[in-house]
C-alpha atoms as a PDB file:
ATOM      1  CA  UNK A   1     -28.958 -14.881 -18.302  1.00  0.00           C
ATOM      2  CA  UNK A   2     -29.047 -18.644 -17.831  1.00  0.00           C
ATOM      3  CA  UNK A   3     -32.295 -20.400 -18.755  1.00  0.00           C
ATOM      4  CA  UNK A   4     -31.380 -23.896 -17.649  1.00  0.00           C
ATOM      5  CA  UNK A   5     -34.464 -26.117 -17.924  1.00  0.00           C
ATOM      6  CA  UNK A   6     -36.940 -23.237 -17.945  1.00  0.00           C
ATOM      7  CA  UNK A   7     -40.221 -23.998 -19.685  1.00  0.00           C
ATOM      8  CA  UNK A   8     -42.204 -21.642 -21.899  1.00  0.00           C
ATOM      9  CA  UNK A   9     -45.118 -19.771 -20.379  1.00  0.00           C
ATOM     10  CA  UNK A  10     -48.472 -19.049 -22.043  1.00  0.00           C
ATOM     11  CA  UNK A  11     -47.172 -15.823 -23.575  1.00  0.00           C
ATOM     12  CA  UNK A  12     -44.213 -17.517 -25.235  1.00  0.00           C
ATOM     13  CA  UNK A  13     -46.306 -20.503 -26.332  1.00  0.00           C
ATOM     14  CA  UNK A  14     -48.679 -18.237 -28.232  1.00  0.00           C
ATOM     15  CA  UNK A  15     -45.697 -16.617 -29.980  1.00  0.00           C
ATOM     16  CA  UNK A  16     -44.630 -19.999 -31.336  1.00  0.00           C
ATOM     17  CA  UNK A  17     -48.160 -21.285 -32.096  1.00  0.00           C
ATOM     18  CA  UNK A  18     -51.024 -18.837 -32.701  1.00  0.00           C
ATOM     19  CA  UNK A  19     -48.700 -16.000 -33.711  1.00  0.00           C
ATOM     20  CA  UNK A  20     -45.864 -18.077 -35.081  1.00  0.00           C
ATOM     21  CA  UNK A  21     -46.160 -16.838 -38.694  1.00  0.00           C
ATOM     22  CA  UNK A  22     -46.592 -13.140 -37.960  1.00  0.00           C
ATOM     23  CA  UNK A  23     -44.420 -12.700 -34.858  1.00  0.00           C
ATOM     24  CA  UNK A  24     -41.959 -15.520 -34.200  1.00  0.00           C
ATOM     25  CA  UNK A  25     -41.104 -16.290 -37.841  1.00  0.00           C
ATOM     26  CA  UNK A  26     -40.669 -12.627 -38.730  1.00  0.00           C
ATOM     27  CA  UNK A  27     -38.540 -12.067 -35.637  1.00  0.00           C
ATOM     28  CA  UNK A  28     -36.228 -14.907 -36.669  1.00  0.00           C
ATOM     29  CA  UNK A  29     -36.231 -13.659 -40.269  1.00  0.00           C
ATOM     30  CA  UNK A  30     -35.027 -10.230 -39.173  1.00  0.00           C
ATOM     31  CA  UNK A  31     -32.249 -11.724 -37.061  1.00  0.00           C
ATOM     32  CA  UNK A  32     -31.021 -13.930 -39.908  1.00  0.00           C
ATOM     33  CA  UNK A  33     -31.491 -11.621 -42.896  1.00  0.00           C
ATOM     34  CA  UNK A  34     -29.666  -8.707 -41.301  1.00  0.00           C
ATOM     35  CA  UNK A  35     -27.216 -10.809 -39.241  1.00  0.00           C
ATOM     36  CA  UNK A  36     -28.256  -9.166 -35.987  1.00  0.00           C
ATOM     37  CA  UNK A  37     -27.068 -11.857 -33.586  1.00  0.00           C
ATOM     38  CA  UNK A  38     -23.818 -13.835 -33.315  1.00  0.00           C
ATOM     39  CA  UNK A  39     -22.463 -16.491 -30.935  1.00  0.00           C
ATOM     40  CA  UNK A  40     -21.199 -14.944 -27.705  1.00  0.00           C
ATOM     41  CA  UNK A  41     -23.190 -11.723 -28.042  1.00  0.00           C
ATOM     42  CA  UNK A  42     -24.401  -9.993 -24.889  1.00  0.00           C
ATOM     43  CA  UNK A  43     -27.653  -8.216 -25.718  1.00  0.00           C
ATOM     44  CA  UNK A  44     -29.290  -5.504 -23.664  1.00  0.00           C
ATOM     45  CA  UNK A  45     -33.013  -5.685 -24.432  1.00  0.00           C
ATOM     46  CA  UNK A  46     -34.396  -2.213 -23.789  1.00  0.00           C
ATOM     47  CA  UNK A  47     -37.946  -2.238 -22.404  1.00  0.00           C
ATOM     48  CA  UNK A  48     -39.720   1.101 -22.581  1.00  0.00           C
ATOM     49  CA  UNK A  49     -42.951  -0.197 -21.115  1.00  0.00           C
ATOM     50  CA  UNK A  50     -45.016  -0.283 -24.298  1.00  0.00           C
ATOM     51  CA  UNK A  51     -46.388  -3.302 -26.156  1.00  0.00           C
ATOM     52  CA  UNK A  52     -43.542  -3.428 -28.701  1.00  0.00           C
ATOM     53  CA  UNK A  53     -40.601  -3.744 -26.325  1.00  0.00           C
ATOM     54  CA  UNK A  54     -42.506  -6.101 -24.006  1.00  0.00           C
ATOM     55  CA  UNK A  55     -43.301  -8.395 -26.937  1.00  0.00           C
ATOM     56  CA  UNK A  56     -39.665  -8.235 -28.035  1.00  0.00           C
ATOM     57  CA  UNK A  57     -38.556  -9.293 -24.565  1.00  0.00           C
ATOM     58  CA  UNK A  58     -40.763 -12.393 -24.726  1.00  0.00           C
ATOM     59  CA  UNK A  59     -39.443 -13.197 -28.208  1.00  0.00           C
ATOM     60  CA  UNK A  60     -35.888 -13.061 -26.875  1.00  0.00           C
ATOM     61  CA  UNK A  61     -36.817 -15.297 -23.946  1.00  0.00           C
ATOM     62  CA  UNK A  62     -38.258 -17.825 -26.406  1.00  0.00           C
ATOM     63  CA  UNK A  63     -35.195 -17.507 -28.630  1.00  0.00           C
ATOM     64  CA  UNK A  64     -32.914 -18.339 -25.707  1.00  0.00           C
ATOM     65  CA  UNK A  65     -34.642 -21.721 -25.461  1.00  0.00           C
ATOM     66  CA  UNK A  66     -34.427 -22.552 -29.157  1.00  0.00           C
ATOM     67  CA  UNK A  67     -31.250 -20.886 -30.458  1.00  0.00           C
ATOM     68  CA  UNK A  68     -28.596 -23.172 -31.930  1.00  0.00           C
ATOM     69  CA  UNK A  69     -25.819 -21.014 -30.444  1.00  0.00           C
ATOM     70  CA  UNK A  70     -25.185 -19.398 -27.082  1.00  0.00           C
ATOM     71  CA  UNK A  71     -25.650 -15.730 -26.285  1.00  0.00           C
ATOM     72  CA  UNK A  72     -26.592 -13.664 -23.248  1.00  0.00           C
ATOM     73  CA  UNK A  73     -29.628 -11.453 -22.722  1.00  0.00           C
ATOM     74  CA  UNK A  74     -30.100  -8.699 -20.140  1.00  0.00           C
ATOM     75  CA  UNK A  75     -33.510  -7.068 -19.855  1.00  0.00           C
ATOM     76  CA  UNK A  76     -33.392  -3.407 -18.884  1.00  0.00           C
ATOM     77  CA  UNK A  77     -36.174  -1.021 -17.890  1.00  0.00           C
ATOM     78  CA  UNK A  78     -34.872   2.522 -17.680  1.00  0.00           C
ATOM     79  CA  UNK A  79     -37.204   4.791 -15.708  1.00  0.00           C
ATOM     80  CA  UNK A  80     -36.707   8.377 -16.970  1.00  0.00           C
ATOM     81  CA  UNK A  81     -39.226   9.657 -14.437  1.00  0.00           C
ATOM     82  CA  UNK A  82     -42.514   7.878 -15.140  1.00  0.00           C
ATOM     83  CA  UNK A  83     -45.523   8.955 -13.115  1.00  0.00           C
ATOM     84  CA  UNK A  84     -46.693   6.425 -10.535  1.00  0.00           C
ATOM     85  CA  UNK A  85     -49.562   5.128 -12.668  1.00  0.00           C
ATOM     86  CA  UNK A  86     -47.323   4.336 -15.635  1.00  0.00           C
ATOM     87  CA  UNK A  87     -44.522   2.910 -13.512  1.00  0.00           C
ATOM     88  CA  UNK A  88     -46.923   0.628 -11.618  1.00  0.00           C
ATOM     89  CA  UNK A  89     -48.365  -0.662 -14.900  1.00  0.00           C
ATOM     90  CA  UNK A  90     -44.893  -1.339 -16.312  1.00  0.00           C
ATOM     91  CA  UNK A  91     -43.883  -3.192 -13.149  1.00  0.00           C
ATOM     92  CA  UNK A  92     -47.120  -5.194 -13.189  1.00  0.00           C
ATOM     93  CA  UNK A  93     -46.555  -6.242 -16.814  1.00  0.00           C
ATOM     94  CA  UNK A  94     -42.951  -7.209 -16.140  1.00  0.00           C
ATOM     95  CA  UNK A  95     -44.160  -9.486 -13.339  1.00  0.00           C
ATOM     96  CA  UNK A  96     -47.081 -10.873 -15.358  1.00  0.00           C
ATOM     97  CA  UNK A  97     -44.844 -11.686 -18.313  1.00  0.00           C
ATOM     98  CA  UNK A  98     -42.150 -13.183 -16.045  1.00  0.00           C
ATOM     99  CA  UNK A  99     -39.427 -10.984 -17.510  1.00  0.00           C
ATOM    100  CA  UNK A 100     -36.284 -10.931 -15.306  1.00  0.00           C
ATOM    101  CA  UNK A 101     -35.693  -7.219 -15.838  1.00  0.00           C
ATOM    102  CA  UNK A 102     -33.393  -4.759 -14.121  1.00  0.00           C
ATOM    103  CA  UNK A 103     -34.862  -1.329 -13.315  1.00  0.00           C
ATOM    104  CA  UNK A 104     -32.712   1.796 -13.500  1.00  0.00           C
ATOM    105  CA  UNK A 105     -34.068   5.059 -12.081  1.00  0.00           C
ATOM    106  CA  UNK A 106     -33.132   8.422 -13.621  1.00  0.00           C
ATOM    107  CA  UNK A 107     -34.487  12.005 -13.507  1.00  0.00           C
ATOM    108  CA  UNK A 108     -34.279  12.602 -17.252  1.00  0.00           C
ATOM    109  CA  UNK A 109     -37.837  13.908 -17.693  1.00  0.00           C
ATOM    110  CA  UNK A 110     -37.358  16.473 -14.935  1.00  0.00           C
ATOM    111  CA  UNK A 111     -33.895  17.588 -16.057  1.00  0.00           C
ATOM    112  CA  UNK A 112     -34.908  17.925 -19.720  1.00  0.00           C
ATOM    113  CA  UNK A 113     -37.987  19.966 -18.837  1.00  0.00           C
ATOM    114  CA  UNK A 114     -36.046  22.282 -16.537  1.00  0.00           C
ATOM    115  CA  UNK A 115     -33.347  22.946 -19.139  1.00  0.00           C
ATOM    116  CA  UNK A 116     -35.752  23.463 -22.046  1.00  0.00           C
ATOM    117  CA  UNK A 117     -39.250  24.091 -20.794  1.00  0.00           C
ATOM    118  CA  UNK A 118     -40.829  24.727 -24.201  1.00  0.00           C
ATOM    119  CA  UNK A 119     -39.295  21.897 -26.213  1.00  0.00           C
ATOM    120  CA  UNK A 120     -37.455  19.323 -24.096  1.00  0.00           C
ATOM    121  CA  UNK A 121     -37.943  16.448 -26.576  1.00  0.00           C
ATOM    122  CA  UNK A 122     -34.521  16.600 -28.274  1.00  0.00           C
ATOM    123  CA  UNK A 123     -32.635  16.851 -24.977  1.00  0.00           C
ATOM    124  CA  UNK A 124     -34.752  14.122 -23.404  1.00  0.00           C
ATOM    125  CA  UNK A 125     -34.083  11.729 -26.296  1.00  0.00           C
ATOM    126  CA  UNK A 126     -30.357  12.481 -26.187  1.00  0.00           C
ATOM    127  CA  UNK A 127     -30.154  11.914 -22.422  1.00  0.00           C
ATOM    128  CA  UNK A 128     -32.176   8.703 -22.588  1.00  0.00           C
ATOM    129  CA  UNK A 129     -29.939   7.400 -25.355  1.00  0.00           C
ATOM    130  CA  UNK A 130     -26.806   8.191 -23.344  1.00  0.00           C
ATOM    131  CA  UNK A 131     -28.190   6.615 -20.175  1.00  0.00           C
ATOM    132  CA  UNK A 132     -29.157   3.490 -22.109  1.00  0.00           C
ATOM    133  CA  UNK A 133     -25.721   3.069 -23.675  1.00  0.00           C
ATOM    134  CA  UNK A 134     -24.005   3.614 -20.328  1.00  0.00           C
ATOM    135  CA  UNK A 135     -26.246   1.057 -18.622  1.00  0.00           C
ATOM    136  CA  UNK A 136     -25.669  -1.501 -21.385  1.00  0.00           C
ATOM    137  CA  UNK A 137     -21.919  -0.935 -21.159  1.00  0.00           C
ATOM    138  CA  UNK A 138     -21.958  -1.538 -17.392  1.00  0.00           C
ATOM    139  CA  UNK A 139     -23.829  -4.796 -17.973  1.00  0.00           C
ATOM    140  CA  UNK A 140     -21.033  -5.879 -20.333  1.00  0.00           C
ATOM    141  CA  UNK A 141     -23.300  -5.873 -23.401  1.00  0.00           C
ATOM    142  CA  UNK A 142     -22.099  -5.335 -26.936  1.00  0.00           C
ATOM    143  CA  UNK A 143     -25.563  -4.917 -28.462  1.00  0.00           C
ATOM    144  CA  UNK A 144     -28.700  -2.983 -27.588  1.00  0.00           C
ATOM    145  CA  UNK A 145     -32.042  -4.249 -28.931  1.00  0.00           C
ATOM    146  CA  UNK A 146     -34.854  -1.769 -29.538  1.00  0.00           C
ATOM    147  CA  UNK A 147     -38.485  -2.624 -30.283  1.00  0.00           C
ATOM    148  CA  UNK A 148     -38.969  -0.690 -33.520  1.00  0.00           C
ATOM    149  CA  UNK A 149     -41.133  -2.594 -35.989  1.00  0.00           C
ATOM    150  CA  UNK A 150     -42.039  -2.547 -39.712  1.00  0.00           C
ATOM    151  CA  UNK A 151     -44.566   0.267 -39.311  1.00  0.00           C
ATOM    152  CA  UNK A 152     -41.980   2.423 -37.508  1.00  0.00           C
ATOM    153  CA  UNK A 153     -39.623   1.876 -40.442  1.00  0.00           C
ATOM    154  CA  UNK A 154     -42.008   2.966 -43.193  1.00  0.00           C
ATOM    155  CA  UNK A 155     -43.351   5.881 -41.138  1.00  0.00           C
ATOM    156  CA  UNK A 156     -39.819   7.132 -40.463  1.00  0.00           C
ATOM    157  CA  UNK A 157     -38.925   6.825 -44.152  1.00  0.00           C
ATOM    158  CA  UNK A 158     -41.952   8.860 -45.211  1.00  0.00           C
ATOM    159  CA  UNK A 159     -41.547  11.396 -42.378  1.00  0.00           C
ATOM    160  CA  UNK A 160     -37.983  12.148 -43.465  1.00  0.00           C
ATOM    161  CA  UNK A 161     -39.148  12.803 -47.027  1.00  0.00           C
ATOM    162  CA  UNK A 162     -42.102  14.991 -46.066  1.00  0.00           C
ATOM    163  CA  UNK A 163     -40.643  16.871 -43.100  1.00  0.00           C
ATOM    164  CA  UNK A 164     -36.870  16.871 -43.572  1.00  0.00           C
ATOM    165  CA  UNK A 165     -36.515  16.803 -47.333  1.00  0.00           C
ATOM    166  CA  UNK A 166     -34.216  13.796 -47.151  1.00  0.00           C
ATOM    167  CA  UNK A 167     -34.466  10.132 -48.083  1.00  0.00           C
ATOM    168  CA  UNK A 168     -33.253   8.008 -45.210  1.00  0.00           C
ATOM    169  CA  UNK A 169     -34.728   5.128 -43.298  1.00  0.00           C
ATOM    170  CA  UNK A 170     -34.468   3.404 -39.919  1.00  0.00           C
ATOM    171  CA  UNK A 171     -31.706   0.798 -40.340  1.00  0.00           C
ATOM    172  CA  UNK A 172     -31.986  -2.709 -38.834  1.00  0.00           C
ATOM    173  CA  UNK A 173     -28.605  -2.227 -37.169  1.00  0.00           C
ATOM    174  CA  UNK A 174     -25.916   0.400 -36.797  1.00  0.00           C
ATOM    175  CA  UNK A 175     -22.643   0.897 -34.955  1.00  0.00           C
ATOM    176  CA  UNK A 176     -22.500   3.431 -32.139  1.00  0.00           C
ATOM    177  CA  UNK A 177     -20.327   6.439 -32.926  1.00  0.00           C
ATOM    178  CA  UNK A 178     -19.763   7.366 -29.278  1.00  0.00           C
ATOM    179  CA  UNK A 179     -19.469   3.900 -27.739  1.00  0.00           C
ATOM    180  CA  UNK A 180     -16.882   1.793 -29.615  1.00  0.00           C
ATOM    181  CA  UNK A 181     -17.841  -1.861 -29.839  1.00  0.00           C
ATOM    182  CA  UNK A 182     -21.525  -1.186 -29.155  1.00  0.00           C
ATOM    183  CA  UNK A 183     -24.139  -1.921 -31.789  1.00  0.00           C
ATOM    184  CA  UNK A 184     -27.836  -1.082 -31.915  1.00  0.00           C
ATOM    185  CA  UNK A 185     -30.148  -3.729 -33.422  1.00  0.00           C
ATOM    186  CA  UNK A 186     -33.846  -3.781 -34.344  1.00  0.00           C
ATOM    187  CA  UNK A 187     -34.911  -7.461 -34.481  1.00  0.00           C
ATOM    188  CA  UNK A 188     -38.626  -6.664 -34.977  1.00  0.00           C
ATOM    189  CA  UNK A 189     -37.905  -5.063 -38.354  1.00  0.00           C
ATOM    190  CA  UNK A 190     -40.348  -7.313 -40.253  1.00  0.00           C
ATOM    191  CA  UNK A 191     -43.088  -7.430 -37.598  1.00  0.00           C
ATOM    192  CA  UNK A 192     -46.314  -5.479 -38.131  1.00  0.00           C
ATOM    193  CA  UNK A 193     -47.742  -3.370 -35.318  1.00  0.00           C
ATOM    194  CA  UNK A 194     -51.249  -4.820 -35.751  1.00  0.00           C
ATOM    195  CA  UNK A 195     -49.916  -8.291 -34.974  1.00  0.00           C
ATOM    196  CA  UNK A 196     -48.275  -7.099 -31.753  1.00  0.00           C
ATOM    197  CA  UNK A 197     -51.591  -5.526 -30.775  1.00  0.00           C
ATOM    198  CA  UNK A 198     -53.405  -8.789 -31.555  1.00  0.00           C
ATOM    199  CA  UNK A 199     -50.987 -10.755 -29.340  1.00  0.00           C
ATOM    200  CA  UNK A 200     -51.461  -8.298 -26.475  1.00  0.00           C
ATOM    201  CA  UNK A 201     -55.248  -8.413 -26.853  1.00  0.00           C
ATOM    202  CA  UNK A 202     -55.168 -12.216 -26.958  1.00  0.00           C
ATOM    203  CA  UNK A 203     -53.644 -12.202 -23.469  1.00  0.00           C
ATOM    204  CA  UNK A 204     -55.713  -9.258 -22.171  1.00  0.00           C
ATOM    205  CA  UNK A 205     -52.563  -7.233 -21.656  1.00  0.00           C
ATOM    206  CA  UNK A 206     -52.689  -3.473 -21.207  1.00  0.00           C
ATOM    207  CA  UNK A 207     -49.577  -1.392 -21.837  1.00  0.00           C
ATOM    208  CA  UNK A 208     -48.714   2.280 -21.522  1.00  0.00           C
ATOM    209  CA  UNK A 209     -49.294   4.153 -24.774  1.00  0.00           C
ATOM    210  CA  UNK A 210     -46.983   7.104 -24.161  1.00  0.00           C
ATOM    211  CA  UNK A 211     -45.053   7.849 -20.995  1.00  0.00           C
ATOM    212  CA  UNK A 212     -43.773  11.256 -22.039  1.00  0.00           C
ATOM    213  CA  UNK A 213     -44.143  13.575 -19.064  1.00  0.00           C
ATOM    214  CA  UNK A 214     -43.963  16.660 -21.256  1.00  0.00           C
ATOM    215  CA  UNK A 215     -47.006  15.752 -23.377  1.00  0.00           C
ATOM    216  CA  UNK A 216     -48.907  14.847 -20.214  1.00  0.00           C
ATOM    217  CA  UNK A 217     -48.367  18.386 -18.894  1.00  0.00           C
ATOM    218  CA  UNK A 218     -49.508  20.095 -22.092  1.00  0.00           C
ATOM    219  CA  UNK A 219     -53.170  20.983 -21.722  1.00  0.00           C
ATOM    220  CA  UNK A 220     -53.964  21.581 -25.388  1.00  0.00           C
ATOM    221  CA  UNK A 221     -52.242  20.127 -28.455  1.00  0.00           C
ATOM    222  CA  UNK A 222     -52.399  22.479 -31.450  1.00  0.00           C
ATOM    223  CA  UNK A 223     -51.485  19.730 -33.882  1.00  0.00           C
ATOM    224  CA  UNK A 224     -51.156  15.977 -33.806  1.00  0.00           C
ATOM    225  CA  UNK A 225     -47.703  14.496 -33.672  1.00  0.00           C
ATOM    226  CA  UNK A 226     -46.033  14.063 -37.038  1.00  0.00           C
ATOM    227  CA  UNK A 227     -45.952  10.303 -36.563  1.00  0.00           C
ATOM    228  CA  UNK A 228     -49.702  10.104 -35.988  1.00  0.00           C
ATOM    229  CA  UNK A 229     -50.267  12.270 -39.068  1.00  0.00           C
ATOM    230  CA  UNK A 230     -47.985  10.000 -41.097  1.00  0.00           C
ATOM    231  CA  UNK A 231     -49.864   6.905 -39.903  1.00  0.00           C
ATOM    232  CA  UNK A 232     -53.111   8.450 -41.076  1.00  0.00           C
ATOM    233  CA  UNK A 233     -51.577   9.441 -44.416  1.00  0.00           C
ATOM    234  CA  UNK A 234     -50.374   5.897 -45.099  1.00  0.00           C
ATOM    235  CA  UNK A 235     -53.758   4.533 -44.060  1.00  0.00           C
ATOM    236  CA  UNK A 236     -55.471   6.898 -46.475  1.00  0.00           C
ATOM    237  CA  UNK A 237     -53.104   6.081 -49.349  1.00  0.00           C
ATOM    238  CA  UNK A 238     -53.629   2.360 -48.800  1.00  0.00           C
ATOM    239  CA  UNK A 239     -57.272   2.702 -49.831  1.00  0.00           C
ATOM    240  CA  UNK A 240     -56.217   3.475 -53.410  1.00  0.00           C
ATOM    241  CA  UNK A 241     -52.754   1.873 -53.377  1.00  0.00           C
ATOM    242  CA  UNK A 242     -53.010  -1.485 -51.522  1.00  0.00           C
ATOM    243  CA  UNK A 243     -49.247  -2.108 -51.769  1.00  0.00           C
ATOM    244  CA  UNK A 244     -48.180   1.327 -50.539  1.00  0.00           C
ATOM    245  CA  UNK A 245     -46.683   0.047 -47.257  1.00  0.00           C
ATOM    246  CA  UNK A 246     -44.601  -2.621 -48.984  1.00  0.00           C
ATOM    247  CA  UNK A 247     -43.534  -0.111 -51.637  1.00  0.00           C
ATOM    248  CA  UNK A 248     -42.311   2.416 -49.054  1.00  0.00           C
ATOM    249  CA  UNK A 249     -40.391  -0.320 -47.232  1.00  0.00           C
ATOM    250  CA  UNK A 250     -38.888  -1.709 -50.450  1.00  0.00           C
ATOM    251  CA  UNK A 251     -37.867   1.726 -51.734  1.00  0.00           C
ATOM    252  CA  UNK A 252     -35.113   2.010 -49.101  1.00  0.00           C
ATOM    253  CA  UNK A 253     -33.319  -1.004 -50.577  1.00  0.00           C
ATOM    254  CA  UNK A 254     -34.114  -0.213 -54.195  1.00  0.00           C
ATOM    255  CA  UNK A 255     -32.431   3.167 -54.677  1.00  0.00           C
ATOM    256  CA  UNK A 256     -31.234   3.882 -58.226  1.00  0.00           C
ATOM    257  CA  UNK A 257     -28.289   6.251 -57.845  1.00  0.00           C
ATOM    258  CA  UNK A 258     -28.288   7.026 -61.582  1.00  0.00           C
ATOM    259  CA  UNK A 259     -31.681   8.651 -61.219  1.00  0.00           C
ATOM    260  CA  UNK A 260     -31.310  10.923 -58.167  1.00  0.00           C
ATOM    261  CA  UNK A 261     -30.012  14.482 -57.902  1.00  0.00           C
ATOM    262  CA  UNK A 262     -27.600  13.805 -55.067  1.00  0.00           C
ATOM    263  CA  UNK A 263     -26.734  11.747 -52.027  1.00  0.00           C
ATOM    264  CA  UNK A 264     -24.518  11.794 -48.972  1.00  0.00           C
ATOM    265  CA  UNK A 265     -21.967   9.120 -48.191  1.00  0.00           C
ATOM    266  CA  UNK A 266     -20.135   9.318 -44.844  1.00  0.00           C
ATOM    267  CA  UNK A 267     -21.196  12.949 -44.593  1.00  0.00           C
ATOM    268  CA  UNK A 268     -19.844  13.902 -48.029  1.00  0.00           C
ATOM    269  CA  UNK A 269     -22.346  15.324 -50.505  1.00  0.00           C
ATOM    270  CA  UNK A 270     -22.325  13.931 -54.057  1.00  0.00           C
ATOM    271  CA  UNK A 271     -24.189  15.370 -57.052  1.00  0.00           C
ATOM    272  CA  UNK A 272     -25.346  13.702 -60.257  1.00  0.00           C
ATOM    273  CA  UNK A 273     -23.246  16.366 -61.971  1.00  0.00           C
ATOM    274  CA  UNK A 274     -20.020  14.937 -60.514  1.00  0.00           C
ATOM    275  CA  UNK A 275     -19.679  12.362 -63.286  1.00  0.00           C
ATOM    276  CA  UNK A 276     -22.462  13.502 -65.608  1.00  0.00           C
ATOM    277  CA  UNK A 277     -20.176  14.251 -68.577  1.00  0.00           C
ATOM    278  CA  UNK A 278     -18.289  10.985 -68.140  1.00  0.00           C
ATOM    279  CA  UNK A 279     -21.467   9.069 -68.995  1.00  0.00           C
ATOM    280  CA  UNK A 280     -21.851  10.786 -72.383  1.00  0.00           C
END
């Protein structure tokens, strides 16, 4: 992508003025603190159609104008089989926000539902991930940027503890195991969801909330999604523990190995008993 003498639009201007502290500065902080971007990188910015990825796309467009080193950006919208209403809204927002995106059509929703009618979520996620990596590879990219934010990080951390019995978080970057040379990055790591919502509201933007075809076809939901339940739990805890969000986030980088029962490293399980007697 070559910006030339392109000027900022109203959406980018607000990112660097009204929302500079909570969006732009935190975006740059994430890039620098976790070393997410390097000279010569070719980044595939994945746009799902929601507020988070659309905001990320505008942040990258602004970054292209102000970065002190050169890198390429490709904006990608992968259509897994959106219904017409959702697809039209995504397309409208792409045009409104002046994002030079490439659209890729797939039948992932349909295929996943046909193969596993009762619970197609795992297969759908796997297929979408594979299609995304393949598309990024064809574009010559070495990095894929996803729009996960601070709230996603702390919710994932807590969900793993409560539902999986494991302590693991959503990392700001990781190497692909199936696509050598490809790296996944999350540059919105420090950005709060409420601030993305405020930016969208400021510009009267409306985004799709969830484009999952499976949940659309389910008439009655017996329980709320685990993520929604986790959001509500954190919200409830915050009433009595104001710093609970920061504490959950900080805990993932403040692990005391001397005080845990066990951990895994590169798939190998370690127990506190391994060297317990050596400490006596």
